[in-house]
């Protein structure tokens, strides 16, 4: 199961992505976490050493073909050479970013992530992609191979408007499932606002995540929420979502 997590900047994508990845690993899945943001922050949220040198995916891993970019090596070799082991056995991959100002677009970096995602499939394998706060990875088709796209929304207009813009792009990529995570809910009024939005735009709400000061404390400490406040309501809500998604992904015999 390959899960993309998108939404407006600051809505909590990275916290949710990191928490999902580690909880899925604790539940027995082999988990790959991909930081697909050219301004990466997933490593800290997962609990990797902040001074650890990351190994961004190089563009040389990809060749251009008529049916799109493809890896030049087996995906297991890519994970071994460029993956960084993290807490709970999660392996993290990082998209390449700009090394210098004025060097141009990140077309090759996006193509590399897309090619890796195309090959990351298998039983008991969960891939969590922390996406950029822009529609670019949808417009480029970088995440066309995710099985589900989770759109994180806070209960205010600009965040919901971002979800409204992203959802049609995901549909054009024929992503099998699109769901909304209502995040940072402070009241039933907040929850009702997101629920009404989802109903109006025919989107499925998959999770309700309450506001919790523990998220801010963890961020200020530069530590994972799962380590700072393992019993928080946010961790509980994300855990329920992980269980829901893994159950839906399990073939019925």
Protein backbone atom coordinates (compact mmCIF):
# COMPACT_ATOMS: atom_id res chain seq x y z
CA UNK A 1 0.00 0.00 0.00
CA UNK A 2 1.38 3.35 -1.09
CA UNK A 3 -0.02 6.38 0.74
CA UNK A 4 0.45 9.99 -0.36
CA UNK A 5 -0.19 12.79 2.14
CA UNK A 6 -0.94 16.25 0.74
CA UNK A 7 -2.43 19.56 1.78
CA UNK A 8 -1.70 23.20 2.44
CA UNK A 9 1.56 24.12 4.16
CA UNK A 10 1.36 23.93 7.94
CA UNK A 11 -1.69 21.66 8.17
CA UNK A 12 0.28 18.84 9.82
CA UNK A 13 1.23 16.58 6.90
CA UNK A 14 4.70 15.73 8.18
CA UNK A 15 3.59 14.95 11.74
CA UNK A 16 0.86 12.67 10.41
CA UNK A 17 3.17 11.02 7.87
CA UNK A 18 5.86 10.27 10.44
CA UNK A 19 3.39 8.99 13.02
CA UNK A 20 1.63 6.81 10.44
CA UNK A 21 4.92 5.32 9.26
CA UNK A 22 6.11 4.33 12.71
CA UNK A 23 2.74 2.99 13.86
CA UNK A 24 2.43 0.88 10.69
CA UNK A 25 5.91 -0.51 11.37
CA UNK A 26 4.97 -1.33 14.95
CA UNK A 27 1.94 -3.18 13.58
CA UNK A 28 4.23 -5.46 11.59
CA UNK A 29 4.50 -3.83 8.17
CA UNK A 30 7.73 -3.14 6.31
CA UNK A 31 7.59 0.65 5.98
CA UNK A 32 9.28 3.03 3.56
CA UNK A 33 8.86 6.74 4.33
CA UNK A 34 9.60 9.10 1.45
CA UNK A 35 10.24 12.78 2.08
CA UNK A 36 9.06 14.12 -1.27
CA UNK A 37 9.50 17.75 -0.28
CA UNK A 38 12.41 19.74 -1.67
CA UNK A 39 12.57 21.40 1.76
CA UNK A 40 12.75 18.16 3.80
CA UNK A 41 11.62 17.85 7.42
CA UNK A 42 10.43 14.25 7.71
CA UNK A 43 13.68 12.94 9.21
CA UNK A 44 13.25 14.96 12.40
CA UNK A 45 9.58 14.02 12.70
CA UNK A 46 10.53 10.35 12.43
CA UNK A 47 13.26 10.65 15.05
CA UNK A 48 16.40 10.44 12.94
CA UNK A 49 19.49 12.21 14.20
CA UNK A 50 19.24 15.84 13.07
CA UNK A 51 22.96 15.98 12.25
CA UNK A 52 22.87 12.74 10.27
CA UNK A 53 23.85 13.24 6.64
CA UNK A 54 20.94 12.36 4.39
CA UNK A 55 21.38 10.66 1.04
CA UNK A 56 18.95 12.21 -1.45
CA UNK A 57 17.85 10.06 -4.36
CA UNK A 58 20.14 10.92 -7.32
CA UNK A 59 18.72 11.56 -10.77
CA UNK A 60 21.11 8.93 -12.16
CA UNK A 61 18.75 6.24 -10.80
CA UNK A 62 16.26 6.97 -13.57
CA UNK A 63 16.19 6.47 -17.33
CA UNK A 64 13.63 8.00 -19.68
CA UNK A 65 11.40 5.56 -21.55
CA UNK A 66 8.39 5.87 -23.81
CA UNK A 67 6.07 4.92 -20.95
CA UNK A 68 7.74 7.30 -18.50
CA UNK A 69 10.77 7.35 -16.17
CA UNK A 70 11.93 4.01 -14.78
CA UNK A 71 14.60 2.88 -12.32
CA UNK A 72 17.89 1.67 -13.75
CA UNK A 73 18.39 -0.70 -10.80
CA UNK A 74 16.22 -2.95 -8.64
CA UNK A 75 14.25 -1.04 -6.02
CA UNK A 76 15.78 -3.17 -3.22
CA UNK A 77 19.23 -2.00 -4.31
CA UNK A 78 17.99 1.60 -4.25
CA UNK A 79 16.72 1.15 -0.69
CA UNK A 80 20.03 -0.35 0.40
CA UNK A 81 22.15 2.36 -1.22
CA UNK A 82 20.02 5.41 -0.43
CA UNK A 83 17.70 4.47 2.40
CA UNK A 84 18.31 5.67 5.96
CA UNK A 85 17.19 3.30 8.74
CA UNK A 86 15.04 4.99 11.36
CA UNK A 87 13.12 4.20 14.54
CA UNK A 88 10.85 1.14 14.57
CA UNK A 89 12.56 -0.16 11.43
CA UNK A 90 11.20 2.53 9.11
CA UNK A 91 13.49 3.18 6.12
CA UNK A 92 13.49 6.76 4.84
CA UNK A 93 14.18 8.01 1.33
CA UNK A 94 14.66 11.69 0.53
CA UNK A 95 13.89 13.50 -2.70
CA UNK A 96 16.73 15.54 -4.12
CA UNK A 97 16.57 19.29 -3.59
CA UNK A 98 18.37 22.35 -4.95
CA UNK A 99 22.07 22.50 -4.16
CA UNK A 100 22.48 26.08 -5.39
CA UNK A 101 20.32 29.09 -6.19
CA UNK A 102 19.38 29.56 -9.82
CA UNK A 103 20.08 25.98 -10.87
CA UNK A 104 16.66 25.44 -12.42
CA UNK A 105 13.68 23.18 -11.91
CA UNK A 106 13.55 19.91 -9.99
CA UNK A 107 12.16 17.84 -12.87
CA UNK A 108 14.68 15.03 -12.40
CA UNK A 109 14.06 14.85 -8.64
CA UNK A 110 10.33 14.43 -9.21
CA UNK A 111 10.93 11.81 -11.90
CA UNK A 112 13.13 9.85 -9.51
CA UNK A 113 10.50 9.76 -6.76
CA UNK A 114 7.88 8.73 -9.32
CA UNK A 115 10.02 5.87 -10.60
CA UNK A 116 10.72 4.62 -7.07
CA UNK A 117 7.02 4.70 -6.20
CA UNK A 118 6.17 2.69 -9.31
CA UNK A 119 8.37 -0.18 -8.07
CA UNK A 120 7.47 -0.06 -4.36
CA UNK A 121 4.69 -2.60 -4.20
CA UNK A 122 4.23 -5.86 -2.36
CA UNK A 123 2.42 -7.61 0.48
CA UNK A 124 2.98 -6.13 3.95
CA UNK A 125 4.86 -3.19 2.39
CA UNK A 126 3.60 0.26 3.36
CA UNK A 127 5.03 3.37 1.71
CA UNK A 128 4.17 6.77 3.18
CA UNK A 129 4.93 9.81 1.03
CA UNK A 130 5.14 13.22 2.70
CA UNK A 131 4.34 15.53 -0.22
CA UNK A 132 5.09 19.18 -0.91
CA UNK A 133 2.57 21.86 -0.05
CA UNK A 134 1.80 22.50 -3.72
CA UNK A 135 -0.07 20.79 -6.55
CA UNK A 136 3.17 20.15 -8.45
CA UNK A 137 3.51 16.47 -7.54
CA UNK A 138 0.01 15.91 -8.88
CA UNK A 139 0.41 18.05 -11.98
CA UNK A 140 3.68 16.26 -12.80
CA UNK A 141 2.23 12.85 -12.00
CA UNK A 142 4.98 12.18 -9.44
CA UNK A 143 2.55 10.34 -7.17
CA UNK A 144 0.38 8.72 -9.84
CA UNK A 145 1.25 5.30 -8.40
CA UNK A 146 0.03 5.87 -4.84
CA UNK A 147 -2.92 3.67 -3.90
CA UNK A 148 -4.51 6.27 -1.68
CA UNK A 149 -4.11 10.03 -1.37
CA UNK A 150 -4.85 11.55 2.03
CA UNK A 151 -5.69 15.25 1.91
CA UNK A 152 -5.06 16.90 5.27
CA UNK A 153 -7.44 19.75 6.05
CA UNK A 154 -7.74 22.19 8.90
CA UNK A 155 -11.19 23.71 9.54
CA UNK A 156 -10.62 27.04 7.84
CA UNK A 157 -11.20 28.36 4.33
CA UNK A 158 -7.69 28.45 2.85
CA UNK A 159 -6.90 24.92 3.95
CA UNK A 160 -10.20 23.56 2.65
CA UNK A 161 -9.77 25.49 -0.58
CA UNK A 162 -6.42 23.77 -1.11
CA UNK A 163 -8.09 20.37 -0.70
CA UNK A 164 -10.77 21.43 -3.18
CA UNK A 165 -8.06 22.20 -5.76
CA UNK A 166 -5.99 19.07 -5.15
CA UNK A 167 -8.80 16.51 -5.25
CA UNK A 168 -9.69 16.92 -8.97
CA UNK A 169 -6.03 16.61 -9.95
CA UNK A 170 -5.78 13.36 -8.01
CA UNK A 171 -8.90 12.09 -9.75
CA UNK A 172 -7.36 12.86 -13.14
CA UNK A 173 -4.41 10.65 -12.18
CA UNK A 174 -6.88 7.82 -11.48
CA UNK A 175 -5.63 7.40 -7.91
CA UNK A 176 -7.80 4.59 -6.56
CA UNK A 177 -8.79 6.20 -3.25
CA UNK A 178 -8.89 9.80 -2.08
CA UNK A 179 -9.72 10.63 1.51
CA UNK A 180 -9.68 13.63 3.82
CA UNK A 181 -8.09 13.86 7.26
CA UNK A 182 -9.73 16.58 9.34
CA UNK A 183 -6.84 17.83 11.48
CA UNK A 184 -6.42 20.16 14.47
CA UNK A 185 -10.08 20.06 15.44
CA UNK A 186 -10.77 22.15 18.56
CA UNK A 187 -14.53 21.69 18.74
CA UNK A 188 -17.56 19.97 17.25
CA UNK A 189 -18.07 23.13 15.21
CA UNK A 190 -14.67 22.56 13.59
CA UNK A 191 -15.51 18.92 12.91
CA UNK A 192 -18.87 19.85 11.42
CA UNK A 193 -17.24 22.40 9.10
CA UNK A 194 -14.92 19.81 7.55
CA UNK A 195 -17.67 17.18 7.39
CA UNK A 196 -19.98 19.63 5.57
CA UNK A 197 -17.18 20.52 3.15
CA UNK A 198 -16.53 16.85 2.37
CA UNK A 199 -20.21 16.17 1.80
CA UNK A 200 -20.58 19.20 -0.47
CA UNK A 201 -17.60 18.18 -2.61
CA UNK A 202 -18.32 14.43 -2.51
CA UNK A 203 -15.12 13.59 -0.66
CA UNK A 204 -14.74 10.85 1.92
CA UNK A 205 -13.57 11.88 5.37
CA UNK A 206 -11.42 9.08 6.79
CA UNK A 207 -10.22 10.50 10.09
CA UNK A 208 -10.85 13.21 12.67
CA UNK A 209 -7.71 14.33 14.50
CA UNK A 210 -8.12 16.69 17.47
CA UNK A 211 -5.91 19.67 18.22
CA UNK A 212 -3.25 18.81 20.79
CA UNK A 213 -0.59 21.09 22.30
CA UNK A 214 1.71 18.04 22.42
CA UNK A 215 2.32 18.45 18.68
CA UNK A 216 3.72 21.93 19.25
CA UNK A 217 5.83 20.75 22.19
CA UNK A 218 7.29 17.95 20.08
CA UNK A 219 8.09 20.32 17.23
CA UNK A 220 9.77 22.82 19.53
CA UNK A 221 11.87 20.00 20.96
CA UNK A 222 12.75 18.71 17.50
CA UNK A 223 11.44 15.30 18.52
CA UNK A 224 8.77 12.92 17.18
CA UNK A 225 5.28 13.28 18.61
CA UNK A 226 5.27 9.51 19.16
CA UNK A 227 8.22 9.85 21.55
CA UNK A 228 7.14 13.05 23.30
CA UNK A 229 3.48 12.15 23.84
CA UNK A 230 2.78 8.51 22.88
CA UNK A 231 -0.60 8.62 24.63
CA UNK A 232 -1.79 11.80 22.92
CA UNK A 233 -5.17 11.96 21.18
CA UNK A 234 -3.38 12.67 17.90
CA UNK A 235 -1.38 9.43 18.09
CA UNK A 236 -4.58 7.53 18.93
CA UNK A 237 -6.46 9.01 15.97
CA UNK A 238 -3.62 8.33 13.54
CA UNK A 239 -3.33 4.80 14.91
CA UNK A 240 -7.01 4.18 14.18
CA UNK A 241 -6.49 5.44 10.63
CA UNK A 242 -3.50 3.13 10.10
CA UNK A 243 -5.54 0.15 11.28
CA UNK A 244 -8.44 1.17 9.03
CA UNK A 245 -6.22 1.47 5.94
CA UNK A 246 -4.37 -1.78 6.56
CA UNK A 247 -7.64 -3.65 7.06
CA UNK A 248 -9.01 -2.26 3.80
CA UNK A 249 -5.79 -3.27 2.03
CA UNK A 250 -5.89 -6.89 3.29
CA UNK A 251 -7.29 -9.34 0.70
CA UNK A 252 -10.35 -11.15 1.95
CA UNK A 253 -9.97 -14.95 1.69
